[in-house]
């Protein structure tokens, strides 16, 4: 249970850091800095680094991380935005042209646009649909979280194997020492008789 709470905490933290990145983008747009391709690439690279590093930090911070836990962490990290994006898509498909329904759509749609702002550079690569860009961004985030978590499990596994080998060697050394002490005691008892 504790590992699930920690996993959720890491997922909340990475999403909060992503929101801070989105706020930074918003602030740079106010000052007119964000309109350059270079800044868009920098913010997309920052998104990539954030999600990969948090996957890595999650895996290194947990005691027992397996590939299944890494997959679940990546899924849990993107679940909120995936649900909101799916709801936004459904509303855009099924809404009529009345103002109240469009207001409901934009209430959710603005959150989706805000969250996916670092991936705006993908719009030049994928000119089809904004929802396709959102899906690609969510897939990139999922894959990067998973790769980061899997990279973190490898050092943990190696450290665990080294620790087990060290403990096994120590146990064998202690057994050999006990056997030699027992043999020596047995000889002393035979000499006394």
C-alpha atoms as a PDB file:
ATOM      1  CA  UNK A   1       0.000   0.000   0.000  1.00  0.00           C
ATOM      2  CA  UNK A   2       2.838   2.360   0.874  1.00  0.00           C
ATOM      3  CA  UNK A   3       4.442   1.887  -2.559  1.00  0.00           C
ATOM      4  CA  UNK A   4       1.167   2.844  -4.285  1.00  0.00           C
ATOM      5  CA  UNK A   5       0.967   6.025  -2.195  1.00  0.00           C
ATOM      6  CA  UNK A   6       4.562   6.872  -3.075  1.00  0.00           C
ATOM      7  CA  UNK A   7       3.879   6.137  -6.724  1.00  0.00           C
ATOM      8  CA  UNK A   8       0.893   8.456  -6.654  1.00  0.00           C
ATOM      9  CA  UNK A   9       2.969  11.138  -4.931  1.00  0.00           C
ATOM     10  CA  UNK A  10       5.629  10.944  -7.662  1.00  0.00           C
ATOM     11  CA  UNK A  11       2.925  11.117 -10.360  1.00  0.00           C
ATOM     12  CA  UNK A  12       1.351  14.178  -8.712  1.00  0.00           C
ATOM     13  CA  UNK A  13       4.754  15.854  -8.377  1.00  0.00           C
ATOM     14  CA  UNK A  14       5.688  15.337 -12.026  1.00  0.00           C
ATOM     15  CA  UNK A  15       2.316  16.673 -13.154  1.00  0.00           C
ATOM     16  CA  UNK A  16       2.742  19.688 -10.867  1.00  0.00           C
ATOM     17  CA  UNK A  17       6.207  20.335 -12.298  1.00  0.00           C
ATOM     18  CA  UNK A  18       4.754  20.066 -15.801  1.00  0.00           C
ATOM     19  CA  UNK A  19       2.163  22.687 -14.855  1.00  0.00           C
ATOM     20  CA  UNK A  20       4.962  24.942 -13.595  1.00  0.00           C
ATOM     21  CA  UNK A  21       6.612  24.518 -17.016  1.00  0.00           C
ATOM     22  CA  UNK A  22       3.322  25.497 -18.669  1.00  0.00           C
ATOM     23  CA  UNK A  23       3.101  28.579 -16.442  1.00  0.00           C
ATOM     24  CA  UNK A  24       6.655  29.486 -17.483  1.00  0.00           C
ATOM     25  CA  UNK A  25       5.574  29.217 -21.118  1.00  0.00           C
ATOM     26  CA  UNK A  26       2.588  31.439 -20.407  1.00  0.00           C
ATOM     27  CA  UNK A  27       4.839  34.038 -18.787  1.00  0.00           C
ATOM     28  CA  UNK A  28       7.280  33.999 -21.710  1.00  0.00           C
ATOM     29  CA  UNK A  29       4.350  34.502 -24.064  1.00  0.00           C
ATOM     30  CA  UNK A  30       3.417  37.653 -22.149  1.00  0.00           C
ATOM     31  CA  UNK A  31       6.891  39.048 -22.819  1.00  0.00           C
ATOM     32  CA  UNK A  32       6.885  37.902 -26.455  1.00  0.00           C
ATOM     33  CA  UNK A  33       9.825  35.527 -26.050  1.00  0.00           C
ATOM     34  CA  UNK A  34       7.872  32.340 -26.776  1.00  0.00           C
ATOM     35  CA  UNK A  35       7.096  33.127 -30.398  1.00  0.00           C
ATOM     36  CA  UNK A  36      10.501  31.940 -31.586  1.00  0.00           C
ATOM     37  CA  UNK A  37      11.093  28.368 -32.722  1.00  0.00           C
ATOM     38  CA  UNK A  38      14.170  28.118 -30.524  1.00  0.00           C
ATOM     39  CA  UNK A  39      12.155  28.749 -27.345  1.00  0.00           C
ATOM     40  CA  UNK A  40       9.527  26.217 -28.438  1.00  0.00           C
ATOM     41  CA  UNK A  41      12.229  23.591 -28.891  1.00  0.00           C
ATOM     42  CA  UNK A  42      13.724  24.472 -25.493  1.00  0.00           C
ATOM     43  CA  UNK A  43      10.388  24.074 -23.734  1.00  0.00           C
ATOM     44  CA  UNK A  44       9.660  20.780 -25.494  1.00  0.00           C
ATOM     45  CA  UNK A  45      13.133  19.547 -24.498  1.00  0.00           C
ATOM     46  CA  UNK A  46      12.392  20.645 -20.931  1.00  0.00           C
ATOM     47  CA  UNK A  47       9.184  18.602 -21.013  1.00  0.00           C
ATOM     48  CA  UNK A  48      11.109  15.565 -22.225  1.00  0.00           C
ATOM     49  CA  UNK A  49      13.760  15.970 -19.520  1.00  0.00           C
ATOM     50  CA  UNK A  50      11.193  16.475 -16.759  1.00  0.00           C
ATOM     51  CA  UNK A  51       9.212  13.350 -17.558  1.00  0.00           C
ATOM     52  CA  UNK A  52      12.279  11.154 -18.107  1.00  0.00           C
ATOM     53  CA  UNK A  53      14.013  12.385 -14.946  1.00  0.00           C
ATOM     54  CA  UNK A  54      10.941  11.930 -12.775  1.00  0.00           C
ATOM     55  CA  UNK A  55      10.562   8.368 -14.035  1.00  0.00           C
ATOM     56  CA  UNK A  56      14.191   7.796 -13.107  1.00  0.00           C
ATOM     57  CA  UNK A  57      13.808   9.499  -9.714  1.00  0.00           C
ATOM     58  CA  UNK A  58      10.679   7.438  -9.029  1.00  0.00           C
ATOM     59  CA  UNK A  59      12.460   4.175  -9.746  1.00  0.00           C
ATOM     60  CA  UNK A  60      15.546   5.095  -7.731  1.00  0.00           C
ATOM     61  CA  UNK A  61      13.430   6.327  -4.822  1.00  0.00           C
ATOM     62  CA  UNK A  62      11.298   3.214  -4.475  1.00  0.00           C
ATOM     63  CA  UNK A  63      12.521   0.145  -2.610  1.00  0.00           C
ATOM     64  CA  UNK A  64      10.994  -2.554  -4.782  1.00  0.00           C
ATOM     65  CA  UNK A  65      10.537  -1.366  -8.352  1.00  0.00           C
ATOM     66  CA  UNK A  66       9.753  -3.914 -11.022  1.00  0.00           C
ATOM     67  CA  UNK A  67       8.960  -3.513 -14.693  1.00  0.00           C
ATOM     68  CA  UNK A  68       5.268  -3.838 -13.860  1.00  0.00           C
ATOM     69  CA  UNK A  69       5.506  -1.023 -11.316  1.00  0.00           C
ATOM     70  CA  UNK A  70       7.363   1.121 -13.861  1.00  0.00           C
ATOM     71  CA  UNK A  71       4.571   0.545 -16.383  1.00  0.00           C
ATOM     72  CA  UNK A  72       1.912   1.324 -13.793  1.00  0.00           C
ATOM     73  CA  UNK A  73       3.748   4.513 -12.762  1.00  0.00           C
ATOM     74  CA  UNK A  74       3.899   5.717 -16.382  1.00  0.00           C
ATOM     75  CA  UNK A  75       0.199   4.939 -16.824  1.00  0.00           C
ATOM     76  CA  UNK A  76      -0.715   6.673 -13.563  1.00  0.00           C
ATOM     77  CA  UNK A  77       1.301   9.756 -14.533  1.00  0.00           C
ATOM     78  CA  UNK A  78      -0.573  10.356 -17.785  1.00  0.00           C
ATOM     79  CA  UNK A  79      -3.987   9.169 -16.620  1.00  0.00           C
ATOM     80  CA  UNK A  80      -5.369  12.592 -15.562  1.00  0.00           C
ATOM     81  CA  UNK A  81      -4.504  14.396 -18.789  1.00  0.00           C
ATOM     82  CA  UNK A  82      -5.547  11.392 -20.879  1.00  0.00           C
ATOM     83  CA  UNK A  83      -8.992  11.395 -19.257  1.00  0.00           C
ATOM     84  CA  UNK A  84      -9.393  15.157 -19.645  1.00  0.00           C
ATOM     85  CA  UNK A  85      -8.241  15.018 -23.280  1.00  0.00           C
ATOM     86  CA  UNK A  86     -10.656  12.163 -24.029  1.00  0.00           C
ATOM     87  CA  UNK A  87     -13.503  14.098 -22.389  1.00  0.00           C
ATOM     88  CA  UNK A  88     -12.588  17.186 -24.390  1.00  0.00           C
ATOM     89  CA  UNK A  89     -12.548  15.190 -27.604  1.00  0.00           C
ATOM     90  CA  UNK A  90     -15.929  13.639 -26.835  1.00  0.00           C
ATOM     91  CA  UNK A  91     -17.394  17.045 -26.070  1.00  0.00           C
ATOM     92  CA  UNK A  92     -16.013  18.475 -29.307  1.00  0.00           C
ATOM     93  CA  UNK A  93     -17.531  15.645 -31.305  1.00  0.00           C
ATOM     94  CA  UNK A  94     -20.921  15.623 -29.617  1.00  0.00           C
ATOM     95  CA  UNK A  95     -21.497  19.306 -28.853  1.00  0.00           C
ATOM     96  CA  UNK A  96     -23.916  21.275 -30.878  1.00  0.00           C
ATOM     97  CA  UNK A  97     -23.393  24.871 -31.835  1.00  0.00           C
ATOM     98  CA  UNK A  98     -25.150  26.318 -28.783  1.00  0.00           C
ATOM     99  CA  UNK A  99     -23.170  28.723 -26.661  1.00  0.00           C
ATOM    100  CA  UNK A 100     -23.614  26.887 -23.334  1.00  0.00           C
ATOM    101  CA  UNK A 101     -22.280  23.617 -24.741  1.00  0.00           C
ATOM    102  CA  UNK A 102     -19.340  25.391 -26.362  1.00  0.00           C
ATOM    103  CA  UNK A 103     -18.617  27.074 -23.026  1.00  0.00           C
ATOM    104  CA  UNK A 104     -18.522  23.643 -21.381  1.00  0.00           C
ATOM    105  CA  UNK A 105     -16.206  22.404 -24.110  1.00  0.00           C
ATOM    106  CA  UNK A 106     -13.804  25.323 -23.752  1.00  0.00           C
ATOM    107  CA  UNK A 107     -13.820  24.995 -19.977  1.00  0.00           C
ATOM    108  CA  UNK A 108     -12.215  21.559 -20.397  1.00  0.00           C
ATOM    109  CA  UNK A 109     -10.457  22.389 -23.650  1.00  0.00           C
ATOM    110  CA  UNK A 110      -8.495  25.231 -22.154  1.00  0.00           C
ATOM    111  CA  UNK A 111      -6.969  22.857 -19.592  1.00  0.00           C
ATOM    112  CA  UNK A 112      -5.968  20.463 -22.364  1.00  0.00           C
ATOM    113  CA  UNK A 113      -4.439  23.283 -24.417  1.00  0.00           C
ATOM    114  CA  UNK A 114      -2.603  24.588 -21.363  1.00  0.00           C
ATOM    115  CA  UNK A 115      -1.160  21.170 -20.472  1.00  0.00           C
ATOM    116  CA  UNK A 116      -0.031  20.448 -24.023  1.00  0.00           C
ATOM    117  CA  UNK A 117       1.552  23.861 -24.591  1.00  0.00           C
ATOM    118  CA  UNK A 118       5.160  22.538 -24.394  1.00  0.00           C
ATOM    119  CA  UNK A 119       4.404  20.252 -27.339  1.00  0.00           C
ATOM    120  CA  UNK A 120       3.331  23.081 -29.658  1.00  0.00           C
ATOM    121  CA  UNK A 121       6.461  22.412 -31.721  1.00  0.00           C
ATOM    122  CA  UNK A 122       4.778  19.160 -32.802  1.00  0.00           C
ATOM    123  CA  UNK A 123       2.155  21.215 -34.644  1.00  0.00           C
ATOM    124  CA  UNK A 124       4.669  21.939 -37.385  1.00  0.00           C
ATOM    125  CA  UNK A 125       5.438  18.220 -37.663  1.00  0.00           C
ATOM    126  CA  UNK A 126       1.833  16.980 -37.406  1.00  0.00           C
ATOM    127  CA  UNK A 127      -0.448  19.501 -39.121  1.00  0.00           C
ATOM    128  CA  UNK A 128      -3.505  17.225 -39.072  1.00  0.00           C
ATOM    129  CA  UNK A 129      -5.452  17.718 -35.876  1.00  0.00           C
ATOM    130  CA  UNK A 130      -4.855  19.191 -32.461  1.00  0.00           C
ATOM    131  CA  UNK A 131      -6.149  15.975 -30.869  1.00  0.00           C
ATOM    132  CA  UNK A 132      -3.565  13.971 -32.787  1.00  0.00           C
ATOM    133  CA  UNK A 133      -0.888  16.315 -31.427  1.00  0.00           C
ATOM    134  CA  UNK A 134      -2.306  15.847 -27.921  1.00  0.00           C
ATOM    135  CA  UNK A 135      -2.284  12.072 -28.346  1.00  0.00           C
ATOM    136  CA  UNK A 136       1.312  12.112 -29.578  1.00  0.00           C
ATOM    137  CA  UNK A 137       2.315  14.331 -26.658  1.00  0.00           C
ATOM    138  CA  UNK A 138       0.632  12.016 -24.146  1.00  0.00           C
ATOM    139  CA  UNK A 139       2.306   9.015 -25.804  1.00  0.00           C
ATOM    140  CA  UNK A 140       5.700  10.762 -25.626  1.00  0.00           C
ATOM    141  CA  UNK A 141       5.144  11.559 -21.948  1.00  0.00           C
ATOM    142  CA  UNK A 142       4.099   7.958 -21.231  1.00  0.00           C
ATOM    143  CA  UNK A 143       7.086   6.478 -23.074  1.00  0.00           C
ATOM    144  CA  UNK A 144       9.563   8.851 -21.426  1.00  0.00           C
ATOM    145  CA  UNK A 145       8.173   8.113 -17.952  1.00  0.00           C
ATOM    146  CA  UNK A 146       8.377   4.403 -18.660  1.00  0.00           C
ATOM    147  CA  UNK A 147      11.919   4.576 -20.040  1.00  0.00           C
ATOM    148  CA  UNK A 148      13.056   6.684 -17.081  1.00  0.00           C
ATOM    149  CA  UNK A 149      11.497   4.256 -14.614  1.00  0.00           C
ATOM    150  CA  UNK A 150      13.034   1.276 -16.421  1.00  0.00           C
ATOM    151  CA  UNK A 151      16.464   2.934 -16.394  1.00  0.00           C
ATOM    152  CA  UNK A 152      16.035   3.390 -12.653  1.00  0.00           C
ATOM    153  CA  UNK A 153      15.150  -0.266 -12.092  1.00  0.00           C
ATOM    154  CA  UNK A 154      18.369  -1.479 -13.730  1.00  0.00           C
ATOM    155  CA  UNK A 155      20.779   0.095 -11.186  1.00  0.00           C
ATOM    156  CA  UNK A 156      18.483  -1.051  -8.386  1.00  0.00           C
ATOM    157  CA  UNK A 157      18.531  -4.601  -9.720  1.00  0.00           C
ATOM    158  CA  UNK A 158      22.321  -4.559 -10.059  1.00  0.00           C
ATOM    159  CA  UNK A 159      22.721  -3.167  -6.533  1.00  0.00           C
ATOM    160  CA  UNK A 160      20.320  -5.788  -5.198  1.00  0.00           C
ATOM    161  CA  UNK A 161      22.237  -8.578  -6.938  1.00  0.00           C
ATOM    162  CA  UNK A 162      25.549  -7.261  -5.547  1.00  0.00           C
ATOM    163  CA  UNK A 163      24.059  -7.068  -2.061  1.00  0.00           C
ATOM    164  CA  UNK A 164      22.723 -10.617  -2.304  1.00  0.00           C
ATOM    165  CA  UNK A 165      26.087 -11.888  -3.557  1.00  0.00           C
ATOM    166  CA  UNK A 166      27.864 -10.068  -0.736  1.00  0.00           C
ATOM    167  CA  UNK A 167      25.455 -11.466   1.855  1.00  0.00           C
ATOM    168  CA  UNK A 168      25.854 -14.961   0.428  1.00  0.00           C
ATOM    169  CA  UNK A 169      29.642 -14.657   0.541  1.00  0.00           C
ATOM    170  CA  UNK A 170      29.481 -13.349   4.131  1.00  0.00           C
ATOM    171  CA  UNK A 171      27.214 -16.232   5.124  1.00  0.00           C
ATOM    172  CA  UNK A 172      29.574 -18.758   3.530  1.00  0.00           C
ATOM    173  CA  UNK A 173      32.529 -17.151   5.323  1.00  0.00           C
ATOM    174  CA  UNK A 174      30.674 -17.316   8.651  1.00  0.00           C
ATOM    175  CA  UNK A 175      29.759 -20.969   8.060  1.00  0.00           C
ATOM    176  CA  UNK A 176      33.370 -21.826   7.214  1.00  0.00           C
ATOM    177  CA  UNK A 177      34.541 -19.979  10.334  1.00  0.00           C
ATOM    178  CA  UNK A 178      31.971 -21.826  12.496  1.00  0.00           C
ATOM    179  CA  UNK A 179      33.038 -25.171  11.041  1.00  0.00           C
ATOM    180  CA  UNK A 180      36.722 -24.476  11.699  1.00  0.00           C
ATOM    181  CA  UNK A 181      35.955 -23.359  15.271  1.00  0.00           C
ATOM    182  CA  UNK A 182      33.840 -26.452  15.839  1.00  0.00           C
ATOM    183  CA  UNK A 183      36.622 -28.693  14.507  1.00  0.00           C
ATOM    184  CA  UNK A 184      39.107 -27.020  16.826  1.00  0.00           C
ATOM    185  CA  UNK A 185      36.791 -27.425  19.838  1.00  0.00           C
ATOM    186  CA  UNK A 186      36.199 -31.056  19.046  1.00  0.00           C
ATOM    187  CA  UNK A 187      39.984 -31.702  19.036  1.00  0.00           C
ATOM    188  CA  UNK A 188      40.363 -29.955  22.426  1.00  0.00           C
ATOM    189  CA  UNK A 189      37.616 -32.144  23.934  1.00  0.00           C
ATOM    190  CA  UNK A 190      39.291 -35.282  22.611  1.00  0.00           C
ATOM    191  CA  UNK A 191      42.630 -34.263  24.173  1.00  0.00           C
ATOM    192  CA  UNK A 192      41.013 -33.688  27.584  1.00  0.00           C
ATOM    193  CA  UNK A 193      39.511 -37.171  27.656  1.00  0.00           C
END
